[in-house]
Amino acid sequence: MEVETQPIVVWCVSSTGGVQKSNLVFEKLEKRLGSLRGRKFYGVLEGSPENGIYRACVAKNQGDNFPDLESWIIPDGKYLKAKISDWDKCLSCIGETFSEMAQLWCTDASRPYIEFYRSQRELILFLPIYD
């Protein structure tokens, strides 16, 4: 399904090791936040899965103050959207689903791939596509 997204202002922890270090950057982010309740989490990849920049992100809430975290904006635009249920039982499904989506559309390499962790069981993927 095609969707238009709005920019999302986030706090994040970055790694240049691609998706292989995603669990480490999420651990660092979660430790810094304290409570995770009511938070919206995103994984964002710029570049290749092997050595691109991967950011573990959390949407900023009013009153947040984390000066040791990077402030960033997830770009808006047109994306192809897909849902993965029980994603934590099949982490390889994330890359596979992005690859399948990329075969269907012309991907906009100027914007990142986005993972929205809607819940412990549901993951929404956003593949950047051209208008």
C-alpha atoms as a PDB file:
ATOM      1  CA  MET A   1       0.000   0.000   0.000  1.00  0.00           C
ATOM      2  CA  GLU A   2       1.304   3.490  -0.857  1.00  0.00           C
ATOM      3  CA  VAL A   3       1.251   6.109   1.904  1.00  0.00           C
ATOM      4  CA  GLU A   4       2.413   9.685   2.454  1.00  0.00           C
ATOM      5  CA  THR A   5       4.220  10.239   5.737  1.00  0.00           C
ATOM      6  CA  GLN A   6       4.944  13.362   7.726  1.00  0.00           C
ATOM      7  CA  PRO A   7       8.387  14.165   9.150  1.00  0.00           C
ATOM      8  CA  ILE A   8       8.976  12.577  12.557  1.00  0.00           C
ATOM      9  CA  VAL A   9      11.195  14.340  15.105  1.00  0.00           C
ATOM     10  CA  VAL A  10      13.182  11.761  17.052  1.00  0.00           C
ATOM     11  CA  TRP A  11      15.970  11.073  19.492  1.00  0.00           C
ATOM     12  CA  CYS A  12      18.361   8.432  18.209  1.00  0.00           C
ATOM     13  CA  VAL A  13      21.532   6.394  18.554  1.00  0.00           C
ATOM     14  CA  SER A  14      23.439   5.726  15.323  1.00  0.00           C
ATOM     15  CA  SER A  15      25.779   3.045  14.036  1.00  0.00           C
ATOM     16  CA  THR A  16      27.714   2.789  10.779  1.00  0.00           C
ATOM     17  CA  GLY A  17      27.643  -1.001  10.931  1.00  0.00           C
ATOM     18  CA  GLY A  18      24.380  -1.431   9.052  1.00  0.00           C
ATOM     19  CA  VAL A  19      21.623  -3.614  10.453  1.00  0.00           C
ATOM     20  CA  GLN A  20      24.068  -6.041  12.100  1.00  0.00           C
ATOM     21  CA  LYS A  21      24.452  -3.664  15.047  1.00  0.00           C
ATOM     22  CA  SER A  22      20.769  -2.729  15.304  1.00  0.00           C
ATOM     23  CA  ASN A  23      20.260  -4.584  18.580  1.00  0.00           C
ATOM     24  CA  LEU A  24      23.201  -2.742  20.173  1.00  0.00           C
ATOM     25  CA  VAL A  25      21.967   0.737  19.242  1.00  0.00           C
ATOM     26  CA  PHE A  26      18.451  -0.103  20.448  1.00  0.00           C
ATOM     27  CA  GLU A  27      19.899  -1.300  23.780  1.00  0.00           C
ATOM     28  CA  LYS A  28      21.792   1.989  24.175  1.00  0.00           C
ATOM     29  CA  LEU A  29      18.692   4.016  23.323  1.00  0.00           C
ATOM     30  CA  GLU A  30      16.388   2.082  25.652  1.00  0.00           C
ATOM     31  CA  LYS A  31      18.827   2.292  28.582  1.00  0.00           C
ATOM     32  CA  ARG A  32      18.967   6.063  28.222  1.00  0.00           C
ATOM     33  CA  LEU A  33      15.176   6.487  28.153  1.00  0.00           C
ATOM     34  CA  GLY A  34      14.315   4.698  31.354  1.00  0.00           C
ATOM     35  CA  SER A  35      10.615   4.025  30.804  1.00  0.00           C
ATOM     36  CA  LEU A  36       9.589   2.737  27.368  1.00  0.00           C
ATOM     37  CA  ARG A  37       5.858   2.984  28.055  1.00  0.00           C
ATOM     38  CA  GLY A  38       3.932   5.066  25.530  1.00  0.00           C
ATOM     39  CA  ARG A  39       6.940   5.560  23.266  1.00  0.00           C
ATOM     40  CA  LYS A  40       7.041   5.129  19.467  1.00  0.00           C
ATOM     41  CA  PHE A  41      10.179   3.347  18.241  1.00  0.00           C
ATOM     42  CA  TYR A  42      11.694   3.337  14.764  1.00  0.00           C
ATOM     43  CA  GLY A  43      14.649   1.678  13.086  1.00  0.00           C
ATOM     44  CA  VAL A  44      15.975   3.711  10.167  1.00  0.00           C
ATOM     45  CA  LEU A  45      18.532   2.598   7.576  1.00  0.00           C
ATOM     46  CA  GLU A  46      20.377   4.918   5.202  1.00  0.00           C
ATOM     47  CA  GLY A  47      22.511   3.089   2.659  1.00  0.00           C
ATOM     48  CA  SER A  48      23.191  -0.617   2.454  1.00  0.00           C
ATOM     49  CA  PRO A  49      22.166  -3.180   5.087  1.00  0.00           C
ATOM     50  CA  GLU A  50      25.814  -4.273   5.377  1.00  0.00           C
ATOM     51  CA  ASN A  51      27.492  -0.946   6.163  1.00  0.00           C
ATOM     52  CA  GLY A  52      24.903   1.841   6.014  1.00  0.00           C
ATOM     53  CA  ILE A  53      23.930   4.133   8.860  1.00  0.00           C
ATOM     54  CA  TYR A  54      21.368   2.485  11.132  1.00  0.00           C
ATOM     55  CA  ARG A  55      19.542   4.627  13.666  1.00  0.00           C
ATOM     56  CA  ALA A  56      17.516   3.348  16.608  1.00  0.00           C
ATOM     57  CA  CYS A  57      14.967   6.117  17.129  1.00  0.00           C
ATOM     58  CA  VAL A  58      12.212   7.144  19.479  1.00  0.00           C
ATOM     59  CA  ALA A  59       9.707   9.901  18.694  1.00  0.00           C
ATOM     60  CA  LYS A  60      10.236  12.971  20.857  1.00  0.00           C
ATOM     61  CA  ASN A  61       7.640  13.610  23.527  1.00  0.00           C
ATOM     62  CA  GLN A  62       6.933  17.061  24.880  1.00  0.00           C
ATOM     63  CA  GLY A  63       9.210  17.748  27.817  1.00  0.00           C
ATOM     64  CA  ASP A  64      11.893  15.256  26.727  1.00  0.00           C
ATOM     65  CA  ASN A  65      15.453  16.312  27.439  1.00  0.00           C
ATOM     66  CA  PHE A  66      18.184  13.883  26.449  1.00  0.00           C
ATOM     67  CA  PRO A  67      21.216  16.041  25.578  1.00  0.00           C
ATOM     68  CA  ASP A  68      23.435  12.978  25.140  1.00  0.00           C
ATOM     69  CA  LEU A  69      21.181  11.589  22.367  1.00  0.00           C
ATOM     70  CA  GLU A  70      21.244  12.729  18.764  1.00  0.00           C
ATOM     71  CA  SER A  71      18.239  14.749  17.602  1.00  0.00           C
ATOM     72  CA  TRP A  72      17.121  13.918  14.061  1.00  0.00           C
ATOM     73  CA  ILE A  73      14.134  14.066  11.716  1.00  0.00           C
ATOM     74  CA  ILE A  74      12.862  11.019   9.838  1.00  0.00           C
ATOM     75  CA  PRO A  75      12.035  12.431   6.389  1.00  0.00           C
ATOM     76  CA  ASP A  76       8.537  12.595   5.034  1.00  0.00           C
ATOM     77  CA  GLY A  77       7.427  11.499   1.599  1.00  0.00           C
ATOM     78  CA  LYS A  78       5.863   8.687  -0.333  1.00  0.00           C
ATOM     79  CA  TYR A  79       6.474   5.172   0.972  1.00  0.00           C
ATOM     80  CA  LEU A  80       5.337   1.662   0.231  1.00  0.00           C
ATOM     81  CA  LYS A  81       3.993   0.126   3.454  1.00  0.00           C
ATOM     82  CA  ALA A  82       3.968  -3.498   4.639  1.00  0.00           C
ATOM     83  CA  LYS A  83       3.188  -5.184   7.960  1.00  0.00           C
ATOM     84  CA  ILE A  84       4.991  -8.085   9.631  1.00  0.00           C
ATOM     85  CA  SER A  85       3.286  -9.885  12.503  1.00  0.00           C
ATOM     86  CA  ASP A  86       5.401 -11.656  15.143  1.00  0.00           C
ATOM     87  CA  TRP A  87       8.503  -9.992  13.686  1.00  0.00           C
ATOM     88  CA  ASP A  88      10.652 -10.955  16.682  1.00  0.00           C
ATOM     89  CA  LYS A  89      10.304 -14.641  15.711  1.00  0.00           C
ATOM     90  CA  CYS A  90      11.632 -14.008  12.186  1.00  0.00           C
ATOM     91  CA  LEU A  91      14.137 -11.155  12.075  1.00  0.00           C
ATOM     92  CA  SER A  92      15.275 -12.192   8.593  1.00  0.00           C
ATOM     93  CA  CYS A  93      11.718 -11.468   7.396  1.00  0.00           C
ATOM     94  CA  ILE A  94      12.452  -7.750   7.719  1.00  0.00           C
ATOM     95  CA  GLY A  95      15.182  -7.725   5.060  1.00  0.00           C
ATOM     96  CA  GLU A  96      13.312 -10.223   2.908  1.00  0.00           C
ATOM     97  CA  THR A  97      10.152  -8.109   2.943  1.00  0.00           C
ATOM     98  CA  PHE A  98      12.065  -4.935   2.069  1.00  0.00           C
ATOM     99  CA  SER A  99      13.739  -6.808  -0.826  1.00  0.00           C
ATOM    100  CA  GLU A 100      10.388  -8.068  -2.129  1.00  0.00           C
ATOM    101  CA  MET A 101       8.931  -4.567  -1.927  1.00  0.00           C
ATOM    102  CA  ALA A 102      11.941  -3.066  -3.735  1.00  0.00           C
ATOM    103  CA  GLN A 103      11.386  -5.439  -6.658  1.00  0.00           C
ATOM    104  CA  LEU A 104       7.921  -3.948  -7.178  1.00  0.00           C
ATOM    105  CA  TRP A 105       8.793  -0.239  -7.080  1.00  0.00           C
ATOM    106  CA  CYS A 106      11.561   2.167  -7.974  1.00  0.00           C
ATOM    107  CA  THR A 107      13.173   2.964  -4.622  1.00  0.00           C
ATOM    108  CA  ASP A 108      14.123   6.535  -3.707  1.00  0.00           C
ATOM    109  CA  ALA A 109      17.695   6.138  -2.424  1.00  0.00           C
ATOM    110  CA  SER A 110      17.743   9.711  -1.081  1.00  0.00           C
ATOM    111  CA  ARG A 111      15.479   8.683   1.809  1.00  0.00           C
ATOM    112  CA  PRO A 112      15.869   5.906   4.387  1.00  0.00           C
ATOM    113  CA  TYR A 113      14.114   2.600   4.891  1.00  0.00           C
ATOM    114  CA  ILE A 114      11.942   2.825   8.017  1.00  0.00           C
ATOM    115  CA  GLU A 115      10.855   0.206  10.537  1.00  0.00           C
ATOM    116  CA  PHE A 116       8.052   1.306  12.881  1.00  0.00           C
ATOM    117  CA  TYR A 117       7.791  -0.966  15.911  1.00  0.00           C
ATOM    118  CA  ARG A 118       4.073  -0.562  16.484  1.00  0.00           C
ATOM    119  CA  SER A 119       4.068  -3.177  19.253  1.00  0.00           C
ATOM    120  CA  GLN A 120       5.989  -6.205  20.499  1.00  0.00           C
ATOM    121  CA  ARG A 121       4.157  -8.238  17.850  1.00  0.00           C
ATOM    122  CA  GLU A 122       3.614  -5.846  14.941  1.00  0.00           C
ATOM    123  CA  LEU A 123       6.221  -4.158  12.751  1.00  0.00           C
ATOM    124  CA  ILE A 124       5.363  -1.734   9.948  1.00  0.00           C
ATOM    125  CA  LEU A 125       7.921  -1.300   7.150  1.00  0.00           C
ATOM    126  CA  PHE A 126       8.169   1.807   4.962  1.00  0.00           C
ATOM    127  CA  LEU A 127      10.122   1.625   1.705  1.00  0.00           C
ATOM    128  CA  PRO A 128      10.851   5.061   0.181  1.00  0.00           C
ATOM    129  CA  ILE A 129       9.485   5.334  -3.365  1.00  0.00           C
ATOM    130  CA  TYR A 130       9.318   8.083  -5.958  1.00  0.00           C
ATOM    131  CA  ASP A 131       6.190  10.151  -6.506  1.00  0.00           C
END
